Protein backbone atom coordinates (compact mmCIF):
# COMPACT_ATOMS: atom_id res chain seq x y z
CA MET A 1 0.00 0.00 0.00
CA VAL A 2 1.22 3.50 -0.80
CA THR A 3 1.60 5.49 2.42
CA ASP A 4 3.58 8.58 1.39
CA ALA A 5 1.23 11.53 1.99
CA ALA A 6 3.26 13.63 -0.45
CA THR A 7 1.64 11.67 -3.29
CA LEU A 8 -1.71 13.23 -2.37
CA SER A 9 -1.79 16.46 -4.34
CA PRO A 10 -4.22 18.54 -6.41
CA ALA A 11 -2.52 17.15 -9.52
CA ALA A 12 -3.08 13.58 -8.29
CA ILE A 13 -6.77 14.43 -7.79
CA ASP A 14 -7.01 15.82 -11.34
CA ASP A 15 -5.45 12.59 -12.63
CA ALA A 16 -7.87 10.53 -10.52
CA ALA A 17 -10.82 12.39 -12.05
CA GLN A 18 -9.76 11.27 -15.51
CA ARG A 19 -9.06 7.74 -14.34
CA ILE A 20 -12.45 7.17 -12.69
CA ALA A 21 -14.54 9.01 -15.28
CA PRO A 22 -15.73 5.80 -17.02
CA VAL A 23 -17.48 4.51 -13.86
CA VAL A 24 -18.21 7.57 -11.71
CA GLN A 25 -20.79 10.18 -12.55
CA ALA A 26 -20.59 13.84 -11.59
CA SER A 27 -23.17 13.72 -8.81
CA PRO A 28 -25.85 16.43 -8.67
CA LEU A 29 -25.35 19.59 -6.61
CA GLN A 30 -28.86 20.52 -5.49
CA ILE A 31 -30.08 23.58 -3.61
CA SER A 32 -32.07 22.73 -0.47
CA GLN A 33 -34.56 25.50 0.14
CA ARG A 34 -35.66 23.85 3.39
CA LEU A 35 -32.18 23.85 4.87
CA SER A 36 -31.43 27.32 3.45
CA ASP A 37 -34.51 28.75 5.16
CA ARG A 38 -33.69 27.01 8.42
CA PHE A 39 -29.97 27.72 8.72
CA GLY A 40 -29.37 30.70 6.47
CA GLY A 41 -27.24 31.13 3.38
CA ARG A 42 -27.69 29.03 0.26
CA VAL A 43 -27.35 25.39 1.28
CA TYR A 44 -26.55 22.84 -1.42
CA LEU A 45 -26.48 19.07 -1.14
CA LYS A 46 -23.75 17.19 -2.98
CA ARG A 47 -25.72 14.05 -3.78
CA GLU A 48 -23.16 11.25 -3.63
CA ASP A 49 -26.03 8.96 -2.68
CA GLN A 50 -26.85 9.09 -6.41
CA GLN A 51 -23.72 7.16 -7.41
CA GLY A 52 -24.24 3.65 -8.76
CA VAL A 53 -23.09 2.20 -5.42
CA ARG A 54 -25.06 4.89 -3.51
CA SER A 55 -21.97 6.49 -1.96
CA TYR A 56 -18.77 8.34 -2.86
CA LYS A 57 -16.61 5.34 -1.96
CA ILE A 58 -16.50 4.12 -5.56
CA ARG A 59 -14.23 7.07 -6.32
CA GLY A 60 -11.37 5.97 -4.09
CA ALA A 61 -11.74 2.24 -4.58
CA TYR A 62 -11.69 2.45 -8.36
CA ASN A 63 -8.84 4.94 -8.40
CA VAL A 64 -6.63 2.54 -6.44
CA MET A 65 -7.53 -0.59 -8.40
CA ALA A 66 -7.12 1.13 -11.76
CA GLN A 67 -3.47 1.77 -10.87
CA LEU A 68 -2.59 -1.82 -9.94
CA SER A 69 -0.33 -3.79 -12.23
CA SER A 70 -1.56 -6.87 -14.03
CA GLU A 71 0.54 -8.97 -11.63
CA ASP A 72 -1.13 -7.30 -8.64
CA LEU A 73 -4.58 -7.85 -10.09
CA ALA A 74 -3.82 -11.51 -10.76
CA ARG A 75 -3.14 -12.02 -7.02
CA GLY A 76 -6.51 -10.49 -6.19
CA VAL A 77 -7.45 -7.72 -3.80
CA VAL A 78 -8.55 -7.54 -0.17
CA ALA A 79 -10.54 -4.81 1.53
CA ALA A 80 -12.20 -4.05 4.85
CA SER A 81 -15.24 -1.85 5.13
CA ALA A 82 -18.36 -1.00 7.10
CA GLY A 83 -20.22 -1.41 3.82
CA ASN A 84 -19.82 1.46 1.37
CA HIS A 85 -16.13 1.07 0.51
CA ALA A 86 -16.84 -2.63 0.10
CA GLN A 87 -19.44 -1.85 -2.55
CA GLY A 88 -16.95 0.30 -4.41
CA VAL A 89 -14.35 -2.48 -4.33
CA ALA A 90 -16.96 -5.06 -5.36
CA TYR A 91 -18.08 -2.92 -8.30
CA ALA A 92 -14.49 -2.40 -9.45
CA ALA A 93 -13.64 -6.09 -9.02
CA ARG A 94 -16.50 -7.16 -11.22
CA ALA A 95 -15.78 -4.47 -13.82
CA MET A 96 -12.11 -5.52 -14.01
CA GLY A 97 -12.68 -9.26 -13.57
CA VAL A 98 -10.57 -9.34 -10.40
CA SER A 99 -11.01 -11.67 -7.42
CA ALA A 100 -11.76 -9.80 -4.17
CA ARG A 101 -12.13 -10.82 -0.53
CA ILE A 102 -14.00 -8.24 1.48
CA TYR A 103 -14.12 -8.18 5.28
CA VAL A 104 -17.00 -6.43 7.05
CA PRO A 105 -18.05 -6.14 10.71
CA THR A 106 -20.69 -8.62 11.84
CA ASN A 107 -23.13 -5.75 12.54
CA THR A 108 -22.98 -4.40 8.98
CA PRO A 109 -26.59 -3.78 7.88
CA LYS A 110 -28.01 -6.59 5.77
CA GLN A 111 -28.87 -4.14 2.99
CA LYS A 112 -25.20 -3.27 2.58
CA CYS A 113 -24.12 -6.92 2.58
CA ASP A 114 -26.70 -7.76 -0.06
CA ARG A 115 -25.52 -4.86 -2.21
CA ILE A 116 -21.88 -5.93 -1.89
CA ARG A 117 -22.76 -9.39 -3.18
CA TRP A 118 -24.91 -7.94 -5.95
CA HIS A 119 -22.20 -5.58 -7.19
CA GLY A 120 -19.39 -8.13 -6.96
CA GLY A 121 -21.18 -11.25 -8.11
CA GLU A 122 -18.93 -14.27 -8.52
CA PHE A 123 -15.78 -12.15 -8.12
CA VAL A 124 -16.35 -11.32 -4.45
CA GLU A 125 -16.14 -13.35 -1.26
CA LEU A 126 -17.77 -11.56 1.68
CA ILE A 127 -16.40 -12.33 5.15
CA ALA A 128 -18.13 -10.98 8.29
CA ILE A 129 -15.84 -10.80 11.33
CA GLY A 130 -15.59 -8.65 14.46
CA GLU A 131 -17.98 -5.99 15.71
CA THR A 132 -16.17 -2.89 14.35
CA TYR A 133 -14.44 -1.72 11.19
CA ASP A 134 -11.09 -1.93 12.99
CA ALA A 135 -11.61 -5.62 13.83
CA ALA A 136 -12.53 -6.40 10.22
CA ALA A 137 -9.50 -4.41 9.01
CA ALA A 138 -7.16 -6.42 11.26
CA ALA A 139 -8.46 -9.67 9.76
CA ALA A 140 -8.08 -8.27 6.25
CA GLN A 141 -4.47 -7.28 6.90
CA GLU A 142 -3.69 -10.80 8.09
CA ASP A 143 -5.14 -12.05 4.80
CA VAL A 144 -2.87 -9.69 2.83
CA GLU A 145 0.23 -10.84 4.71
CA ARG A 146 -0.72 -14.49 4.19
CA THR A 147 -1.71 -14.38 0.51
CA GLY A 148 0.13 -11.41 -1.01
CA ALA A 149 -3.10 -9.88 -2.30
CA SER A 150 -3.31 -6.11 -2.79
CA TRP A 151 -4.74 -4.16 0.15
CA ILE A 152 -7.37 -1.63 -0.97
CA HIS A 153 -7.57 0.62 2.07
CA ALA A 154 -10.82 2.44 2.72
CA PHE A 155 -9.13 5.72 3.71
CA ASN A 156 -5.46 5.55 4.73
CA ASP A 157 -4.01 5.58 1.22
CA PRO A 158 -3.25 8.72 -0.84
CA ARG A 159 -4.73 7.03 -3.92
CA THR A 160 -7.99 6.44 -2.09
CA ALA A 161 -8.02 10.01 -0.79
CA ALA A 162 -7.25 11.36 -4.28
CA GLY A 163 -10.30 9.58 -5.61
CA GLN A 164 -12.47 11.07 -2.86
CA GLY A 165 -10.90 14.46 -3.49
CA THR A 166 -12.51 14.57 -6.92
CA ILE A 167 -15.69 15.57 -5.04
CA ALA A 168 -14.13 18.99 -4.33
CA ARG A 169 -13.08 19.29 -7.96
CA GLU A 170 -16.67 18.68 -9.06
CA ILE A 171 -18.15 21.11 -6.54
CA LEU A 172 -15.92 23.92 -7.79
CA SER A 173 -16.90 23.17 -11.38
CA GLN A 174 -20.63 23.13 -10.53
CA LEU A 175 -20.79 26.56 -8.87
CA PRO A 176 -20.27 29.98 -10.46
CA SER A 177 -17.88 30.91 -7.62
CA PRO A 178 -16.16 28.94 -4.86
CA PRO A 179 -18.36 28.06 -1.86
CA ASP A 180 -17.84 29.78 1.47
CA LEU A 181 -18.17 26.53 3.39
CA ILE A 182 -18.03 22.79 2.67
CA VAL A 183 -19.22 20.35 5.34
CA VAL A 184 -18.21 16.69 5.07
CA PRO A 185 -18.53 13.55 7.22
CA VAL A 186 -15.43 12.08 8.82
CA GLY A 187 -14.91 8.39 9.40
CA GLY A 188 -11.35 7.31 8.66
CA GLY A 189 -10.36 10.70 7.24
CA GLY A 190 -9.64 9.88 3.59
CA CYS A 191 -12.45 11.94 2.10
CA ILE A 192 -11.75 15.10 4.08
CA ALA A 193 -8.03 14.70 3.34
CA GLY A 194 -8.68 14.65 -0.40
CA ILE A 195 -11.14 17.55 -0.30
CA ALA A 196 -8.83 19.66 1.90
CA THR A 197 -5.91 19.00 -0.40
CA TYR A 198 -7.78 20.15 -3.49
CA LEU A 199 -9.18 23.24 -1.77
CA SER A 200 -5.72 24.25 -0.56
CA GLU A 201 -4.72 25.11 -4.13
CA HIS A 202 -7.96 25.81 -5.97
CA SER A 203 -10.10 27.51 -3.29
CA PRO A 204 -7.95 28.33 -0.25
CA SER A 205 -10.53 30.72 1.25
CA THR A 206 -13.27 28.06 1.47
CA ARG A 207 -13.98 27.03 5.05
CA LEU A 208 -14.00 23.28 5.71
CA VAL A 209 -15.87 21.50 8.52
CA GLY A 210 -15.54 17.80 9.22
CA VAL A 211 -18.25 16.05 11.23
CA GLU A 212 -17.87 12.92 13.34
CA PRO A 213 -20.58 11.02 15.24
CA THR A 214 -20.46 11.80 18.96
CA GLY A 215 -19.80 8.15 19.72
CA ALA A 216 -16.68 7.86 17.53
CA VAL A 217 -14.55 11.02 17.53
CA SER A 218 -11.23 9.54 16.41
CA MET A 219 -10.17 12.59 14.33
CA SER A 220 -10.99 15.01 17.15
CA ALA A 221 -9.05 12.88 19.64
CA ALA A 222 -6.03 12.73 17.33
CA LEU A 223 -5.97 16.50 16.80
CA VAL A 224 -6.21 17.10 20.55
CA GLU A 225 -3.60 14.47 21.46
CA GLY A 226 -1.17 15.39 18.69
CA GLY A 227 -1.46 12.11 16.78
CA PRO A 228 -3.81 9.19 16.07
CA VAL A 229 -5.01 7.35 19.16
CA THR A 230 -7.13 4.22 19.47
CA LEU A 231 -10.46 4.97 21.09
CA GLY A 232 -11.94 2.59 23.64
CA GLU A 233 -15.63 1.87 23.37
CA ILE A 234 -17.39 3.45 20.37
CA ASP A 235 -21.01 3.63 19.27
CA SER A 236 -21.24 1.74 15.98
CA PHE A 237 -24.73 3.01 15.07
CA VAL A 238 -23.27 5.42 12.48
CA ASP A 239 -21.59 2.44 10.87
CA GLY A 240 -20.10 4.34 7.93
CA ALA A 241 -18.12 6.62 10.25
CA ALA A 242 -17.52 4.52 13.38
CA VAL A 243 -13.72 4.17 13.34
CA ARG A 244 -11.66 3.62 16.50
CA ARG A 245 -8.45 5.08 15.07
CA ILE A 246 -8.22 7.82 12.47
CA GLY A 247 -5.91 7.25 9.51
CA ASP A 248 -2.44 8.77 9.64
CA LEU A 249 -3.10 10.41 6.27
CA GLY A 250 -6.30 12.18 7.26
CA TYR A 251 -4.85 13.30 10.56
CA GLY A 252 -1.70 14.60 8.90
CA VAL A 253 -3.59 16.70 6.36
CA LEU A 254 -5.87 18.30 8.96
CA ALA A 255 -3.06 18.82 11.46
CA ALA A 256 -1.10 20.66 8.76
CA ARG A 257 -4.15 22.89 8.26
CA ARG A 258 -4.21 23.53 12.04
CA ALA A 259 -7.78 22.31 12.29
CA SER A 260 -9.59 23.34 15.46
CA VAL A 261 -11.76 20.92 17.43
CA VAL A 262 -15.17 21.71 18.91
CA ALA A 263 -15.63 20.78 22.56
CA HIS A 264 -16.65 17.18 23.28
CA PRO A 265 -17.34 15.56 26.70
CA ASN A 266 -14.49 13.07 26.27
CA LEU A 267 -11.85 15.59 25.19
CA PRO A 268 -9.79 18.02 27.33
CA ALA A 269 -11.65 21.34 27.44
CA GLY A 270 -8.47 23.39 27.15
CA SER A 271 -7.73 21.89 23.73
CA THR A 272 -11.08 22.65 22.13
CA VAL A 273 -13.24 25.58 21.04
CA ARG A 274 -16.88 26.37 21.72
CA PRO A 275 -19.48 25.31 19.13
CA GLY A 276 -20.87 28.04 16.91
CA GLU A 277 -17.78 30.26 16.90
CA PRO A 278 -17.50 32.07 13.53
CA LEU A 279 -15.17 30.40 11.05
CA GLN A 280 -12.56 32.49 9.31
CA PRO A 281 -11.86 32.15 5.55
CA GLY A 282 -9.80 29.04 4.91
CA GLN A 283 -10.29 27.69 8.45
CA THR A 284 -10.80 23.99 9.08
CA GLN A 285 -12.79 22.71 12.02
CA VAL A 286 -13.90 19.29 13.28
CA LEU A 287 -17.08 18.89 15.32
CA HIS A 288 -19.45 16.10 16.28
CA ALA A 289 -23.13 15.30 15.82
CA ASP A 290 -25.28 13.39 18.29
CA GLU A 291 -26.62 10.06 17.02
CA GLY A 292 -30.18 11.04 17.95
CA ALA A 293 -29.89 14.31 16.04
CA ILE A 294 -28.58 12.34 13.05
CA CYS A 295 -31.70 10.16 13.17
CA SER A 296 -33.95 13.23 13.26
CA ALA A 297 -32.14 14.65 10.22
CA MET A 298 -32.53 11.32 8.39
CA LEU A 299 -36.28 11.33 9.02
CA ASP A 300 -36.58 14.97 7.90
CA LEU A 301 -34.73 14.17 4.68
CA TYR A 302 -37.03 11.24 4.01
CA GLN A 303 -40.31 12.88 4.94
CA ASP A 304 -39.69 16.40 3.60
CA ASP A 305 -37.31 15.83 0.69
CA GLY A 306 -37.90 12.23 -0.34
CA ILE A 307 -34.21 11.42 0.18
CA VAL A 308 -33.11 8.10 1.68
CA ALA A 309 -29.85 8.70 3.53
CA GLU A 310 -27.85 6.48 5.83
CA PRO A 311 -26.64 7.73 9.23
CA ALA A 312 -23.13 8.65 8.04
CA GLY A 313 -24.61 10.27 4.95
CA THR A 314 -26.53 12.70 7.15
CA LEU A 315 -23.63 13.83 9.34
CA ALA A 316 -22.90 17.01 7.39
CA ILE A 317 -26.53 18.15 7.41
CA THR A 318 -26.93 17.42 11.12
CA ALA A 319 -23.95 19.63 11.93
CA LEU A 320 -25.43 22.77 10.39
CA GLU A 321 -27.17 23.68 13.64
CA HIS A 322 -23.74 23.95 15.30
CA ILE A 323 -22.17 26.20 12.65
CA HIS A 324 -22.41 29.98 12.38
CA ILE A 325 -23.59 30.65 8.80
CA ASP A 326 -23.74 34.16 7.35
CA PRO A 327 -26.83 34.94 5.22
CA ASP A 328 -24.78 35.51 2.08
CA TRP A 329 -22.75 32.30 2.29
CA THR A 330 -22.85 29.44 -0.18
CA VAL A 331 -22.72 26.20 1.81
CA VAL A 332 -22.23 22.69 0.43
CA CYS A 333 -23.07 19.61 2.53
CA LEU A 334 -21.77 16.26 1.35
CA LEU A 335 -24.64 13.77 1.45
CA SER A 336 -22.20 10.91 1.36
CA GLY A 337 -24.35 7.80 1.18
CA GLY A 338 -27.84 6.37 0.84
CA ASN A 339 -27.31 2.73 1.81
CA ASN A 340 -29.79 2.53 4.66
CA ASP A 341 -31.46 -0.71 5.67
CA VAL A 342 -35.22 -0.24 5.98
CA SER A 343 -35.22 -2.62 8.96
CA ARG A 344 -33.28 0.01 10.93
CA TYR A 345 -36.03 2.62 10.81
CA GLY A 346 -37.55 1.41 14.08
CA GLU A 347 -34.30 2.21 15.90
CA ILE A 348 -33.91 5.45 13.93
CA ILE A 349 -37.36 6.65 15.02
CA GLU A 350 -36.66 5.61 18.62
CA ARG A 351 -33.35 7.50 18.78
CA SER A 352 -34.95 10.55 17.20
CA LEU A 353 -37.79 10.60 19.74
CA VAL A 354 -35.33 10.32 22.64
CA HIS A 355 -33.17 13.10 21.20
CA ARG A 356 -36.17 15.39 20.78
CA GLY A 357 -37.24 14.79 24.38
CA LEU A 358 -40.42 12.94 23.44
CA LYS A 359 -39.55 9.40 24.60
CA HIS A 360 -38.72 8.48 28.20
CA TYR A 361 -38.37 5.27 30.20
CA PHE A 362 -39.13 4.58 33.85
CA LEU A 363 -38.97 1.72 36.33
CA VAL A 364 -42.27 1.86 38.21
CA ASN A 365 -43.01 -0.16 41.34
CA PHE A 366 -46.69 -1.06 41.25
CA PRO A 367 -48.46 -2.31 44.37
CA GLN A 368 -49.94 -5.71 43.68
CA GLU A 369 -53.54 -4.72 44.23
CA PRO A 370 -56.59 -4.21 42.01
CA GLY A 371 -56.75 -0.85 40.22
CA ALA A 372 -53.04 0.05 40.52
CA LEU A 373 -52.50 0.35 36.77
CA ARG A 374 -55.77 2.27 36.36
CA ARG A 375 -54.63 4.83 38.96
CA PHE A 376 -51.34 5.21 37.09
CA LEU A 377 -53.22 5.92 33.86
CA ASP A 378 -55.63 8.35 35.52
CA ASP A 379 -53.34 10.16 37.97
CA VAL A 380 -49.89 10.10 36.32
CA LEU A 381 -50.32 9.92 32.57
CA GLY A 382 -51.14 13.25 30.87
CA PRO A 383 -53.80 13.72 28.18
CA ASP A 384 -51.18 13.79 25.37
CA ASP A 385 -48.97 11.03 26.79
CA ASP A 386 -48.92 7.48 25.49
CA ILE A 387 -47.52 4.26 26.92
CA THR A 388 -45.39 2.61 24.22
CA LEU A 389 -43.82 -0.10 26.38
CA PHE A 390 -45.05 -1.93 29.48
CA GLU A 391 -43.13 -4.93 30.72
CA TYR A 392 -42.91 -6.46 34.17
CA VAL A 393 -39.26 -6.89 35.14
CA LYS A 394 -39.84 -9.22 38.08
CA ARG A 395 -41.86 -9.37 41.28
CA ASN A 396 -39.63 -8.92 44.30
CA ASN A 397 -42.38 -9.81 46.78
CA ARG A 398 -46.11 -10.18 47.06
CA GLU A 399 -46.68 -6.47 47.73
CA THR A 400 -45.00 -4.78 44.75
CA GLY A 401 -43.98 -5.51 41.16
CA ALA A 402 -41.51 -3.48 39.08
CA ALA A 403 -42.43 -2.65 35.49
CA LEU A 404 -40.42 -1.04 32.70
CA VAL A 405 -42.64 1.69 31.26
CA GLY A 406 -41.92 3.64 28.08
CA ILE A 407 -43.85 6.90 27.66
CA GLU A 408 -44.08 9.08 24.56
CA LEU A 409 -45.05 12.69 25.25
CA GLY A 410 -47.08 15.03 23.08
CA THR A 411 -44.40 17.73 23.43
CA PRO A 412 -41.02 17.91 25.21
CA ALA A 413 -42.54 20.40 27.67
CA GLY A 414 -44.75 17.60 28.99
CA LEU A 415 -41.86 15.99 30.89
CA SER A 416 -41.84 18.32 33.92
CA PRO A 417 -45.59 17.93 34.59
CA LEU A 418 -45.24 14.16 34.17
CA LEU A 419 -42.42 14.01 36.74
CA ALA A 420 -44.44 16.20 39.11
CA ARG A 421 -47.43 13.86 38.86
CA MET A 422 -45.16 10.88 39.50
CA ASP A 423 -43.77 12.56 42.64
CA ALA A 424 -47.30 13.30 43.84
CA SER A 425 -48.40 9.68 43.40
CA ARG A 426 -47.61 6.95 45.92
CA LEU A 427 -45.74 4.99 43.28
CA SER A 428 -41.96 4.62 43.23
CA CYS A 429 -40.88 5.85 39.75
CA ASP A 430 -37.21 5.88 38.71
CA ARG A 431 -36.33 7.54 35.42
CA LEU A 432 -33.75 5.79 33.22
CA GLU A 433 -31.41 8.49 31.95
CA PRO A 434 -30.00 8.20 28.40
CA GLY A 435 -26.34 7.24 28.58
CA SER A 436 -26.66 5.42 31.90
CA ALA A 437 -25.69 1.76 32.29
CA ALA A 438 -29.30 0.70 32.76
CA TYR A 439 -30.48 2.66 29.73
CA ARG A 440 -28.03 0.88 27.41
CA TYR A 441 -30.03 -2.32 27.85
CA LEU A 442 -32.88 -0.63 25.97
CA THR A 443 -30.84 0.18 22.85
């Protein structure tokens, strides 16, 4: 694998654009009036979900494989991915007639696995191993060392990043003047590295914001610590961006740009900035988006705009509420992928409701006597409240029985009156707080 960051340059990105042109379309750049009205400025969506593999990952995967020698191709290729890079590799393998082994985490959505097999056909062997991208990548590297196959890295390769950097090249060609701000998701850092590299020469005044999911801030941690670090526990819900350790390449590019980091609960406060601080021309910043807010943005895109986006694909849009945007700015958000499994929408709705303050869970001790549940419904539940879950946990004795109760409110403001009615009742009601150890059993 090529690791020299010096090979990532605007010229390399121009070359990549020519190389991938036969299989990659110039994705639409669409104005979003809804987001423009809500956040200010003129907000455009760069619709990489419209690629044949429904994400931008085809750009990097094909750019790497198109540069392999015939001897390399004959030995086959190996990749690791949370799903989207795998589809790009699978597509390229089938187009080139190359054997590929692709490693994915065991929690990769079924929709993505099905699409990998569909794109790769008989040329691809799909191997599910480990619970995170990093675990799958470790298994893939062992395969490379054992077989001598070519390693097609999802992000930590200048050739991959050059392919992703063609997104910036397209954006500049699709607008009459350079944008004031580009917002992109950050997983392993290859995409933002390519975009930053191209902007450095062709639009140095454009502001650049990278967005990580709150549960996997590997780029932010690296910038604060002065180098890539391996995170402990991460939330893999945003599967396309849940990476324990940022790539050296992506970190190096953003560190060279002196990227600032927005405050995060798990990062030292003295090393970060407050959210919403105005960005200066040419400034680069990395911030995070809450998984529940991401789910709300996904649902808004689907219901209001008819756009199916995956969690990682919605990161850039979700972050707009944390960015100071001047009314005259042109803003581009990279909608990076649309590979969302319909079976996940139940969890997406749940996380959105919790984030918006509409869904709450309680452990309620009911006295084992006639009419106890009726009194709860009459005296505690409000007129706009609804019980969405009721499950006895266990009966400790003959006098009381604990039940897990999920309540959906009509408005977030209904929580305080609900808690007051609980306090006034003779029931013992313990609220399960999001993020607590007990609450994690619900998700």
